[in-house]
Amino acid sequence: MKNQFKPHEEHGNIIKTIEIGNSTIIIRDKECVSKQEDIDKILDEFSSIGWAILEKKYASENE
C-alpha cells in the first residue's frame, strides 16, 4: 500500500506514513500547527473528547 498516497497541494505534503495492521496513518505538513493558540485549541478538544469517553465508560459500568 506504500506510495499509494501522493503529495497534494490542497492537503499538504506527506511527512510520515505509519502502517498498523490494515490501517494507514498519513501525517501531512498542512495539518501541523505551530501557533500556541492552535495547539491549545487542539489540546482542549482532546481533553473534551477524553472526558466524554470516561463519562460514558463509567456511566455504563454503574448501570
Protein backbone atom coordinates (compact mmCIF):
# COMPACT_ATOMS: atom_id res chain seq x y z
CA MET A 1 0.00 0.00 0.00
CA LYS A 2 3.04 2.29 0.26
CA ASN A 3 3.38 5.11 -2.27
CA GLN A 4 -0.37 4.98 -2.92
CA PHE A 5 -0.79 8.40 -1.34
CA LYS A 6 0.79 11.24 -3.27
CA PRO A 7 1.55 14.80 -2.15
CA HIS A 8 -1.33 17.10 -2.93
CA GLU A 9 -1.26 20.87 -2.78
CA GLU A 10 -4.66 21.11 -1.08
CA HIS A 11 -3.80 18.60 1.67
CA GLY A 12 -0.07 19.30 2.09
CA ASN A 13 2.98 17.12 1.69
CA ILE A 14 3.22 13.72 3.34
CA ILE A 15 5.80 13.90 6.10
CA LYS A 16 5.21 10.48 7.68
CA THR A 17 3.25 7.33 6.89
CA ILE A 18 2.56 4.75 9.59
CA GLU A 19 1.05 1.34 8.87
CA ILE A 20 -0.61 -0.59 11.70
CA GLY A 21 -2.29 -3.79 10.62
CA ASN A 22 -4.71 -2.93 7.81
CA SER A 23 -4.69 0.78 8.66
CA THR A 24 -2.52 3.51 7.21
CA ILE A 25 -1.98 6.78 9.08
CA ILE A 26 -0.75 9.68 6.98
CA ILE A 27 0.67 12.81 8.57
CA ARG A 28 0.82 15.84 6.30
CA ASP A 29 2.60 19.11 6.90
CA LYS A 30 -0.55 21.15 6.36
CA GLU A 31 -2.08 19.59 9.49
CA CYS A 32 0.90 20.54 11.67
CA VAL A 33 0.30 23.63 13.79
CA SER A 34 2.86 25.93 15.34
CA LYS A 35 0.82 28.74 16.91
CA GLN A 36 0.29 28.28 20.64
CA GLU A 37 -3.35 29.32 20.25
CA ASP A 38 -3.96 26.48 17.75
CA ILE A 39 -2.10 23.98 19.94
CA ASP A 40 -4.20 24.97 22.97
CA LYS A 41 -7.40 24.59 20.95
CA ILE A 42 -6.42 21.07 19.85
CA LEU A 43 -5.48 20.08 23.41
CA ASP A 44 -8.82 21.39 24.69
CA GLU A 45 -10.63 19.32 22.06
CA PHE A 46 -8.65 16.19 23.05
CA SER A 47 -9.46 16.84 26.70
CA SER A 48 -13.19 17.21 25.97
CA ILE A 49 -13.21 14.01 23.95
CA GLY A 50 -11.32 12.15 26.69
CA TRP A 51 -13.77 13.27 29.39
CA ALA A 52 -16.73 12.27 27.22
CA ILE A 53 -15.24 8.79 26.79
CA LEU A 54 -14.61 8.42 30.53
CA GLU A 55 -18.12 9.61 31.42
CA LYS A 56 -19.65 7.12 29.01
CA LYS A 57 -17.45 4.31 30.31
CA TYR A 58 -18.29 4.97 33.97
CA ALA A 59 -21.98 5.52 33.25
CA SER A 60 -22.21 2.08 31.60
CA GLU A 61 -20.32 0.45 34.48
CA ASN A 62 -22.74 1.90 37.05
CA GLU A 63 -25.89 0.62 35.34
